Amino acid sequence: MRRHRPSRSWATPSLVALGFAGLLSALSLVTWRQSRAFEALAELDRVERRLSLAESEQAELRRRIQSLDSRTRISSLAQEQLGMHRPNASEMRWLSGGGR
């Protein structure tokens, strides 16, 4: 005698639908993770550009400070604005002091 297997007409489409839903979920997760990674890379790029600009601005400010702090500039400003000049030998006075 041959046994008759019960019909499972609902099992195959359910498994296919479940597998398809799992595949779509996995693909959605991968897409979400990649979009987050691209956002993070874009933010990193923005931060690196701002850092580069800040470093170049800092270097420019250092150059400007050096030029403003130069002895020739200070001497010329002292002469022009304050009427100062470098003393001649006859204008110098040596002070005796107790500085040891």
N, C-alpha and C. Protein backbone atom coordinates (compact mmCIF):
# COMPACT_ATOMS: atom_id res chain seq x y z
N MET A 1 0.80 -1.18 0.00
CA MET A 1 0.00 0.00 0.00
C MET A 1 0.85 1.25 0.00
N ARG A 2 0.42 2.11 -0.71
CA ARG A 2 1.11 3.37 -0.86
C ARG A 2 0.48 4.41 0.04
N ARG A 3 1.34 5.15 0.75
CA ARG A 3 0.80 6.18 1.65
C ARG A 3 0.65 7.48 0.89
N HIS A 4 -0.38 8.08 1.17
CA HIS A 4 -0.67 9.35 0.51
C HIS A 4 -0.16 10.48 1.40
N ARG A 5 0.70 11.33 0.84
CA ARG A 5 1.25 12.47 1.61
C ARG A 5 0.24 13.59 1.62
N PRO A 6 0.11 14.23 2.78
CA PRO A 6 -0.83 15.35 2.83
C PRO A 6 -0.33 16.50 1.97
N SER A 7 -1.18 17.23 1.43
CA SER A 7 -0.86 18.34 0.55
C SER A 7 -0.39 19.54 1.37
N ARG A 8 0.74 20.07 0.97
CA ARG A 8 1.27 21.27 1.66
C ARG A 8 1.33 22.42 0.66
N SER A 9 0.26 22.76 0.18
CA SER A 9 0.22 23.80 -0.84
C SER A 9 0.57 25.18 -0.28
N TRP A 10 0.41 25.40 0.96
CA TRP A 10 0.70 26.71 1.58
C TRP A 10 2.16 26.84 1.98
N ALA A 11 2.88 25.73 2.18
CA ALA A 11 4.24 25.78 2.72
C ALA A 11 5.23 26.38 1.73
N THR A 12 5.18 25.99 0.50
CA THR A 12 6.16 26.47 -0.48
C THR A 12 6.02 27.97 -0.74
N PRO A 13 4.84 28.48 -1.02
CA PRO A 13 4.75 29.94 -1.22
C PRO A 13 5.10 30.73 0.03
N SER A 14 4.81 30.19 1.20
CA SER A 14 5.14 30.90 2.44
C SER A 14 6.65 30.98 2.61
N LEU A 15 7.34 29.87 2.34
CA LEU A 15 8.80 29.88 2.44
C LEU A 15 9.43 30.82 1.42
N VAL A 16 8.89 30.84 0.24
CA VAL A 16 9.40 31.74 -0.80
C VAL A 16 9.18 33.19 -0.38
N ALA A 17 8.00 33.48 0.13
CA ALA A 17 7.71 34.84 0.58
C ALA A 17 8.59 35.23 1.75
N LEU A 18 8.80 34.30 2.69
CA LEU A 18 9.67 34.57 3.83
C LEU A 18 11.12 34.79 3.39
N GLY A 19 11.58 33.98 2.46
CA GLY A 19 12.93 34.15 1.93
C GLY A 19 13.08 35.47 1.20
N PHE A 20 12.08 35.84 0.41
CA PHE A 20 12.11 37.10 -0.31
C PHE A 20 12.11 38.29 0.67
N ALA A 21 11.32 38.20 1.73
CA ALA A 21 11.28 39.26 2.74
C ALA A 21 12.63 39.36 3.45
N GLY A 22 13.24 38.22 3.75
CA GLY A 22 14.57 38.23 4.37
C GLY A 22 15.61 38.86 3.45
N LEU A 23 15.55 38.52 2.17
CA LEU A 23 16.48 39.10 1.19
C LEU A 23 16.29 40.61 1.09
N LEU A 24 15.05 41.08 1.04
CA LEU A 24 14.80 42.52 0.97
C LEU A 24 15.27 43.21 2.24
N SER A 25 15.08 42.57 3.38
CA SER A 25 15.55 43.16 4.64
C SER A 25 17.07 43.27 4.65
N ALA A 26 17.75 42.23 4.21
CA ALA A 26 19.21 42.26 4.17
C ALA A 26 19.71 43.34 3.21
N LEU A 27 19.09 43.44 2.05
CA LEU A 27 19.50 44.47 1.09
C LEU A 27 19.22 45.87 1.63
N SER A 28 18.11 46.03 2.32
CA SER A 28 17.81 47.34 2.91
C SER A 28 18.83 47.70 3.98
N LEU A 29 19.24 46.73 4.77
CA LEU A 29 20.24 46.97 5.81
C LEU A 29 21.58 47.37 5.18
N VAL A 30 21.98 46.68 4.13
CA VAL A 30 23.24 47.01 3.46
C VAL A 30 23.17 48.42 2.87
N THR A 31 22.06 48.75 2.26
CA THR A 31 21.89 50.08 1.68
C THR A 31 21.95 51.15 2.76
N TRP A 32 21.29 50.92 3.88
CA TRP A 32 21.30 51.88 4.98
C TRP A 32 22.71 52.06 5.53
N ARG A 33 23.43 50.94 5.72
CA ARG A 33 24.80 51.04 6.23
C ARG A 33 25.70 51.79 5.27
N GLN A 34 25.56 51.55 3.99
CA GLN A 34 26.38 52.26 3.01
C GLN A 34 26.05 53.74 2.98
N SER A 35 24.79 54.08 3.09
CA SER A 35 24.44 55.50 3.10
C SER A 35 24.99 56.19 4.34
N ARG A 36 24.96 55.50 5.47
CA ARG A 36 25.55 56.06 6.70
C ARG A 36 27.07 56.23 6.53
N ALA A 37 27.70 55.26 5.90
CA ALA A 37 29.15 55.35 5.68
C ALA A 37 29.47 56.52 4.75
N PHE A 38 28.68 56.72 3.70
CA PHE A 38 28.90 57.85 2.80
C PHE A 38 28.70 59.18 3.52
N GLU A 39 27.70 59.24 4.40
CA GLU A 39 27.48 60.46 5.18
C GLU A 39 28.67 60.73 6.11
N ALA A 40 29.18 59.68 6.73
CA ALA A 40 30.33 59.84 7.63
C ALA A 40 31.56 60.28 6.84
N LEU A 41 31.76 59.73 5.66
CA LEU A 41 32.90 60.13 4.82
C LEU A 41 32.76 61.57 4.35
N ALA A 42 31.55 61.98 4.03
CA ALA A 42 31.32 63.37 3.63
C ALA A 42 31.61 64.31 4.79
N GLU A 43 31.18 63.95 5.98
CA GLU A 43 31.46 64.78 7.16
C GLU A 43 32.95 64.83 7.45
N LEU A 44 33.62 63.70 7.31
CA LEU A 44 35.08 63.67 7.50
C LEU A 44 35.77 64.58 6.49
N ASP A 45 35.31 64.56 5.26
CA ASP A 45 35.88 65.43 4.23
C ASP A 45 35.67 66.90 4.58
N ARG A 46 34.47 67.24 5.07
CA ARG A 46 34.21 68.63 5.47
C ARG A 46 35.12 69.05 6.62
N VAL A 47 35.30 68.17 7.60
CA VAL A 47 36.15 68.49 8.74
C VAL A 47 37.60 68.64 8.30
N GLU A 48 38.06 67.77 7.41
CA GLU A 48 39.43 67.87 6.92
C GLU A 48 39.65 69.17 6.15
N ARG A 49 38.66 69.58 5.35
CA ARG A 49 38.79 70.85 4.62
C ARG A 49 38.83 72.03 5.58
N ARG A 50 37.98 72.01 6.62
CA ARG A 50 38.00 73.09 7.61
C ARG A 50 39.33 73.12 8.35
N LEU A 51 39.85 71.95 8.67
CA LEU A 51 41.14 71.87 9.36
C LEU A 51 42.25 72.42 8.47
N SER A 52 42.22 72.08 7.20
CA SER A 52 43.23 72.57 6.27
C SER A 52 43.16 74.09 6.16
N LEU A 53 41.95 74.63 6.08
CA LEU A 53 41.79 76.09 6.02
C LEU A 53 42.29 76.75 7.30
N ALA A 54 41.98 76.15 8.44
CA ALA A 54 42.43 76.71 9.71
C ALA A 54 43.96 76.67 9.82
N GLU A 55 44.57 75.59 9.34
CA GLU A 55 46.03 75.50 9.39
C GLU A 55 46.67 76.53 8.47
N SER A 56 46.11 76.73 7.28
CA SER A 56 46.68 77.74 6.38
C SER A 56 46.48 79.15 6.95
N GLU A 57 45.33 79.38 7.58
CA GLU A 57 45.10 80.67 8.22
C GLU A 57 46.08 80.89 9.38
N GLN A 58 46.34 79.84 10.14
CA GLN A 58 47.29 79.94 11.23
C GLN A 58 48.69 80.25 10.70
N ALA A 59 49.09 79.60 9.63
CA ALA A 59 50.41 79.86 9.04
C ALA A 59 50.49 81.31 8.54
N GLU A 60 49.40 81.79 7.92
CA GLU A 60 49.38 83.18 7.44
C GLU A 60 49.47 84.15 8.62
N LEU A 61 48.75 83.87 9.70
CA LEU A 61 48.81 84.74 10.87
C LEU A 61 50.21 84.74 11.49
N ARG A 62 50.87 83.59 11.50
CA ARG A 62 52.25 83.54 12.02
C ARG A 62 53.18 84.39 11.17
N ARG A 63 53.03 84.30 9.84
CA ARG A 63 53.85 85.14 8.95
C ARG A 63 53.58 86.62 9.18
N ARG A 64 52.31 86.94 9.37
CA ARG A 64 51.96 88.35 9.61
C ARG A 64 52.54 88.84 10.93
N ILE A 65 52.46 88.02 11.97
CA ILE A 65 53.03 88.39 13.27
C ILE A 65 54.53 88.61 13.13
N GLN A 66 55.21 87.72 12.40
CA GLN A 66 56.65 87.87 12.21
C GLN A 66 56.99 89.16 11.47
N SER A 67 56.18 89.49 10.46
CA SER A 67 56.46 90.73 9.73
C SER A 67 56.16 91.96 10.58
N LEU A 68 55.09 91.90 11.39
CA LEU A 68 54.76 93.04 12.25
C LEU A 68 55.75 93.18 13.40
N ASP A 69 56.37 92.09 13.79
CA ASP A 69 57.28 92.08 14.92
C ASP A 69 58.74 92.33 14.51
N SER A 70 58.97 92.56 13.23
CA SER A 70 60.35 92.72 12.77
C SER A 70 60.94 94.04 13.27
N ARG A 71 62.23 94.00 13.50
CA ARG A 71 62.92 95.17 14.03
C ARG A 71 62.89 96.35 13.05
N THR A 72 63.03 96.07 11.76
CA THR A 72 63.02 97.15 10.77
C THR A 72 61.67 97.86 10.74
N ARG A 73 60.59 97.10 10.83
CA ARG A 73 59.26 97.71 10.82
C ARG A 73 59.06 98.56 12.06
N ILE A 74 59.45 98.02 13.22
CA ILE A 74 59.27 98.76 14.48
C ILE A 74 60.12 100.03 14.46
N SER A 75 61.34 99.93 13.94
CA SER A 75 62.21 101.12 13.87
C SER A 75 61.62 102.18 12.95
N SER A 76 61.12 101.76 11.79
CA SER A 76 60.54 102.74 10.87
C SER A 76 59.29 103.39 11.45
N LEU A 77 58.44 102.60 12.15
CA LEU A 77 57.25 103.18 12.78
C LEU A 77 57.64 104.14 13.91
N ALA A 78 58.68 103.79 14.66
CA ALA A 78 59.13 104.67 15.74
C ALA A 78 59.65 105.99 15.18
N GLN A 79 60.31 105.92 14.04
CA GLN A 79 60.82 107.15 13.42
C GLN A 79 59.68 107.98 12.85
N GLU A 80 58.77 107.34 12.13
CA GLU A 80 57.68 108.06 11.47
C GLU A 80 56.66 108.61 12.45
N GLN A 81 56.18 107.79 13.34
CA GLN A 81 55.06 108.18 14.18
C GLN A 81 55.48 108.86 15.48
N LEU A 82 56.64 108.50 16.01
CA LEU A 82 57.05 109.03 17.30
C LEU A 82 58.24 109.99 17.22
N GLY A 83 58.78 110.13 16.02
CA GLY A 83 59.92 111.03 15.85
C GLY A 83 61.19 110.51 16.51
N MET A 84 61.28 109.25 16.74
CA MET A 84 62.46 108.67 17.39
C MET A 84 63.54 108.41 16.35
N HIS A 85 64.78 108.30 16.81
CA HIS A 85 65.89 107.95 15.93
C HIS A 85 66.92 107.14 16.70
N ARG A 86 67.82 106.54 15.96
CA ARG A 86 68.89 105.79 16.62
C ARG A 86 69.89 106.79 17.17
N PRO A 87 70.32 106.57 18.39
CA PRO A 87 71.22 107.56 19.00
C PRO A 87 72.62 107.52 18.38
N ASN A 88 73.21 108.71 18.30
CA ASN A 88 74.62 108.83 17.89
C ASN A 88 75.48 108.53 19.10
N ALA A 89 76.74 108.39 18.87
CA ALA A 89 77.67 108.11 19.99
C ALA A 89 77.65 109.25 21.00
N SER A 90 77.47 110.50 20.52
CA SER A 90 77.47 111.64 21.44
C SER A 90 76.20 111.68 22.29
N GLU A 91 75.15 111.01 21.86
CA GLU A 91 73.88 111.01 22.60
C GLU A 91 73.80 109.89 23.63
N MET A 92 74.74 108.98 23.61
CA MET A 92 74.70 107.85 24.53
C MET A 92 75.35 108.20 25.86
N ARG A 93 74.76 107.77 26.93
CA ARG A 93 75.28 107.97 28.26
C ARG A 93 75.36 106.60 28.94
N TRP A 94 76.50 106.34 29.50
CA TRP A 94 76.67 105.09 30.22
C TRP A 94 76.32 105.31 31.67
N LEU A 95 75.48 104.51 32.17
CA LEU A 95 75.04 104.63 33.56
C LEU A 95 75.78 103.61 34.42
N SER A 96 76.28 104.11 35.52
CA SER A 96 76.90 103.15 36.44
C SER A 96 75.77 102.54 37.25
N GLY A 97 75.79 101.24 37.32
CA GLY A 97 74.71 100.59 38.03
C GLY A 97 75.21 99.46 38.88
N GLY A 98 74.40 99.07 39.76
CA GLY A 98 74.75 97.98 40.65
C GLY A 98 74.28 96.64 40.12
N GLY A 99 73.90 96.60 38.88
CA GLY A 99 73.41 95.32 38.33
C GLY A 99 74.56 94.36 38.09
N ARG A 100 74.54 93.28 38.81
CA ARG A 100 75.62 92.30 38.64
C ARG A 100 75.14 91.13 37.88
